[in-house]
């Protein structure tokens, strides 16, 4: 065997030789860090809020909170949305009564509203509205069958507000005041 073929064989052996223990630890820890970062990126929804809790516009968002186009409100933060959807804020700034429109229990938009904005289970939401009725505080939201119906009612009711899939929103009869990303559960169910 010539000297060049021996050196080539030695280089090949070194290239395929198993890494030392120290190199192996570095490779394994690097792999672990990569896996953890990938999981964190996958599990964390994209940011929907800017500083101070104000919701920012995002054209790729899955959900949009809409108001009637005549409503002077431009943006609503999460705290205000929760107060509105729980019937605790009943008047718009300026004038007009708040009219909440939502889909029935079991719909995706209602599940998102309950989980991500109200932070309640469907059962707890039902209990809440029953308690409010008993106390006489109820300004119960109007429940509609479809997201398109919510969109249509908000478009004609001056004080209207609702949450619908972002893809449905078009035209000039409603204004988007908040947008939200899809939840992790929605991403994994596809």
Protein backbone atom coordinates (compact mmCIF):
# COMPACT_ATOMS: atom_id res chain seq x y z
CA UNK A 1 0.00 0.00 0.00
CA UNK A 2 1.35 3.40 -0.88
CA UNK A 3 1.83 6.23 1.63
CA UNK A 4 -0.97 8.27 0.10
CA UNK A 5 -3.51 5.44 0.34
CA UNK A 6 -2.46 4.79 3.99
CA UNK A 7 -2.96 8.44 4.91
CA UNK A 8 -6.28 8.45 3.09
CA UNK A 9 -7.39 5.34 5.03
CA UNK A 10 -6.25 6.94 8.31
CA UNK A 11 -8.27 10.09 7.51
CA UNK A 12 -11.34 7.99 6.69
CA UNK A 13 -11.02 6.08 9.99
CA UNK A 14 -10.74 9.36 11.92
CA UNK A 15 -13.75 10.77 10.11
CA UNK A 16 -15.98 7.82 11.01
CA UNK A 17 -14.48 7.22 14.45
CA UNK A 18 -16.91 7.67 17.37
CA UNK A 19 -16.51 10.97 19.18
CA UNK A 20 -14.73 11.06 22.53
CA UNK A 21 -16.79 11.19 25.73
CA UNK A 22 -16.34 14.95 26.01
CA UNK A 23 -17.35 15.47 22.36
CA UNK A 24 -20.32 13.16 22.88
CA UNK A 25 -21.57 15.22 25.83
CA UNK A 26 -21.33 18.39 23.75
CA UNK A 27 -23.18 16.80 20.85
CA UNK A 28 -25.92 15.43 23.12
CA UNK A 29 -26.36 18.72 25.01
CA UNK A 30 -26.47 20.63 21.71
CA UNK A 31 -29.13 18.24 20.45
CA UNK A 32 -31.12 18.66 23.67
CA UNK A 33 -30.96 22.45 23.43
CA UNK A 34 -32.15 22.25 19.82
CA UNK A 35 -35.10 20.07 20.84
CA UNK A 36 -36.02 22.38 23.73
CA UNK A 37 -35.88 25.49 21.53
CA UNK A 38 -37.95 23.78 18.84
CA UNK A 39 -40.60 22.77 21.40
CA UNK A 40 -40.67 26.27 22.88
CA UNK A 41 -41.19 27.81 19.43
CA UNK A 42 -43.93 25.29 18.62
CA UNK A 43 -45.70 25.54 22.00
CA UNK A 44 -45.65 29.33 22.34
CA UNK A 45 -48.35 31.14 20.37
CA UNK A 46 -47.14 34.12 18.38
CA UNK A 47 -47.38 37.37 20.34
CA UNK A 48 -50.71 39.13 19.96
CA UNK A 49 -50.06 41.89 22.44
CA UNK A 50 -47.73 44.84 22.45
CA UNK A 51 -46.57 46.64 25.57
CA UNK A 52 -49.27 47.61 28.04
CA UNK A 53 -51.61 44.85 26.93
CA UNK A 54 -52.76 46.63 23.77
CA UNK A 55 -53.70 44.24 21.03
CA UNK A 56 -51.81 44.76 17.80
CA UNK A 57 -53.05 44.22 14.26
CA UNK A 58 -51.90 40.99 12.65
CA UNK A 59 -53.34 39.99 9.27
CA UNK A 60 -52.45 36.34 9.83
CA UNK A 61 -54.32 36.10 13.14
CA UNK A 62 -56.94 33.42 13.52
CA UNK A 63 -59.54 35.40 15.53
CA UNK A 64 -60.79 38.98 15.31
CA UNK A 65 -62.86 40.97 17.76
CA UNK A 66 -65.08 43.25 15.69
CA UNK A 67 -67.29 46.25 16.39
CA UNK A 68 -69.72 48.15 14.21
CA UNK A 69 -67.93 50.52 11.82
CA UNK A 70 -69.73 53.53 13.36
CA UNK A 71 -68.25 52.77 16.77
CA UNK A 72 -65.43 55.27 17.48
CA UNK A 73 -63.35 52.65 19.36
CA UNK A 74 -60.13 51.80 17.50
CA UNK A 75 -58.47 49.22 19.83
CA UNK A 76 -59.45 47.24 22.91
CA UNK A 77 -57.08 45.58 25.36
CA UNK A 78 -57.67 42.14 26.88
CA UNK A 79 -58.88 43.49 30.24
CA UNK A 80 -61.53 45.67 28.58
CA UNK A 81 -62.60 42.80 26.29
CA UNK A 82 -63.09 40.54 29.30
CA UNK A 83 -65.23 43.21 31.02
CA UNK A 84 -67.32 43.66 27.87
CA UNK A 85 -67.87 39.94 27.21
CA UNK A 86 -68.79 39.39 30.89
CA UNK A 87 -71.35 42.21 30.76
CA UNK A 88 -69.47 44.39 33.26
CA UNK A 89 -68.90 47.19 30.74
CA UNK A 90 -72.26 48.14 29.31
CA UNK A 91 -71.65 51.51 27.67
CA UNK A 92 -69.22 52.56 24.97
CA UNK A 93 -67.05 55.61 25.47
CA UNK A 94 -69.06 58.52 24.19
CA UNK A 95 -72.49 57.07 23.68
CA UNK A 96 -74.33 53.88 23.08
CA UNK A 97 -75.05 50.60 24.74
CA UNK A 98 -72.70 47.64 24.29
CA UNK A 99 -74.42 44.76 22.47
CA UNK A 100 -72.49 41.49 22.65
CA UNK A 101 -73.10 38.88 19.95
CA UNK A 102 -71.59 35.41 20.20
CA UNK A 103 -72.02 31.95 18.78
CA UNK A 104 -73.52 29.09 20.76
CA UNK A 105 -71.59 26.78 23.07
CA UNK A 106 -69.74 24.15 21.10
CA UNK A 107 -68.57 26.48 18.33
CA UNK A 108 -64.86 27.13 17.87
CA UNK A 109 -65.18 30.89 18.28
CA UNK A 110 -67.17 30.47 21.52
CA UNK A 111 -64.61 27.98 22.84
CA UNK A 112 -61.82 30.45 22.04
CA UNK A 113 -63.72 33.31 23.70
CA UNK A 114 -64.32 31.27 26.85
CA UNK A 115 -60.80 29.88 27.12
CA UNK A 116 -58.57 32.72 25.95
CA UNK A 117 -60.49 35.92 26.76
CA UNK A 118 -62.83 35.02 29.62
CA UNK A 119 -60.43 32.38 30.99
CA UNK A 120 -63.36 30.16 32.03
CA UNK A 121 -64.65 26.71 31.19
CA UNK A 122 -68.00 26.49 29.34
CA UNK A 123 -69.62 25.24 32.56
CA UNK A 124 -68.26 28.19 34.54
CA UNK A 125 -69.50 30.64 31.89
CA UNK A 126 -73.01 29.13 32.14
CA UNK A 127 -72.88 29.39 35.95
CA UNK A 128 -71.68 32.99 35.70
CA UNK A 129 -74.61 34.05 33.49
CA UNK A 130 -77.09 32.21 35.71
CA UNK A 131 -75.71 34.05 38.77
CA UNK A 132 -75.90 37.37 36.90
CA UNK A 133 -79.55 36.73 35.98
CA UNK A 134 -80.42 35.85 39.57
CA UNK A 135 -78.77 39.08 40.78
CA UNK A 136 -80.62 41.08 38.14
CA UNK A 137 -77.34 42.29 36.59
CA UNK A 138 -77.71 40.35 33.40
CA UNK A 139 -77.01 42.00 30.13
CA UNK A 140 -76.90 38.57 28.55
CA UNK A 141 -75.14 38.36 25.18
CA UNK A 142 -77.22 37.50 22.17
CA UNK A 143 -76.36 33.96 21.08
CA UNK A 144 -76.39 33.24 17.35
CA UNK A 145 -75.91 30.03 15.37
CA UNK A 146 -72.95 30.95 13.14
CA UNK A 147 -69.95 33.24 12.93
CA UNK A 148 -71.43 34.80 9.79
CA UNK A 149 -74.55 35.69 11.80
CA UNK A 150 -72.37 37.36 14.45
CA UNK A 151 -70.63 39.33 11.69
CA UNK A 152 -73.97 40.37 10.17
CA UNK A 153 -75.50 41.46 13.50
CA UNK A 154 -72.42 43.46 14.52
CA UNK A 155 -72.50 45.15 11.09
CA UNK A 156 -76.05 46.45 11.61
CA UNK A 157 -76.09 47.07 15.39
CA UNK A 158 -74.30 50.32 16.27
CA UNK A 159 -73.14 49.08 19.69
CA UNK A 160 -72.36 45.57 18.44
CA UNK A 161 -69.25 43.57 19.31
CA UNK A 162 -68.33 39.94 18.63
CA UNK A 163 -65.49 37.52 17.93
CA UNK A 164 -65.23 35.76 14.57
CA UNK A 165 -62.59 34.01 12.47
CA UNK A 166 -60.28 36.65 10.98
CA UNK A 167 -60.78 35.20 7.50
CA UNK A 168 -64.47 36.22 7.55
CA UNK A 169 -63.80 39.91 8.13
CA UNK A 170 -63.94 42.07 5.04
CA UNK A 171 -65.77 45.15 3.94
CA UNK A 172 -66.45 48.42 5.67
CA UNK A 173 -69.39 47.60 7.94
CA UNK A 174 -67.25 46.34 10.84
CA UNK A 175 -63.94 47.37 12.38
CA UNK A 176 -61.37 44.99 13.85
CA UNK A 177 -60.40 46.20 17.35
CA UNK A 178 -58.35 43.19 18.47
CA UNK A 179 -56.80 40.12 16.89
CA UNK A 180 -55.63 36.89 18.44
CA UNK A 181 -53.50 33.98 17.27
CA UNK A 182 -54.87 30.51 17.14
CA UNK A 183 -54.37 28.53 20.33
CA UNK A 184 -51.90 25.65 20.63
CA UNK A 185 -54.83 23.20 20.67
CA UNK A 186 -56.08 24.58 17.34
CA UNK A 187 -52.61 24.28 15.78
CA UNK A 188 -52.22 20.66 16.86
CA UNK A 189 -55.72 19.63 15.75
CA UNK A 190 -54.93 20.35 12.08
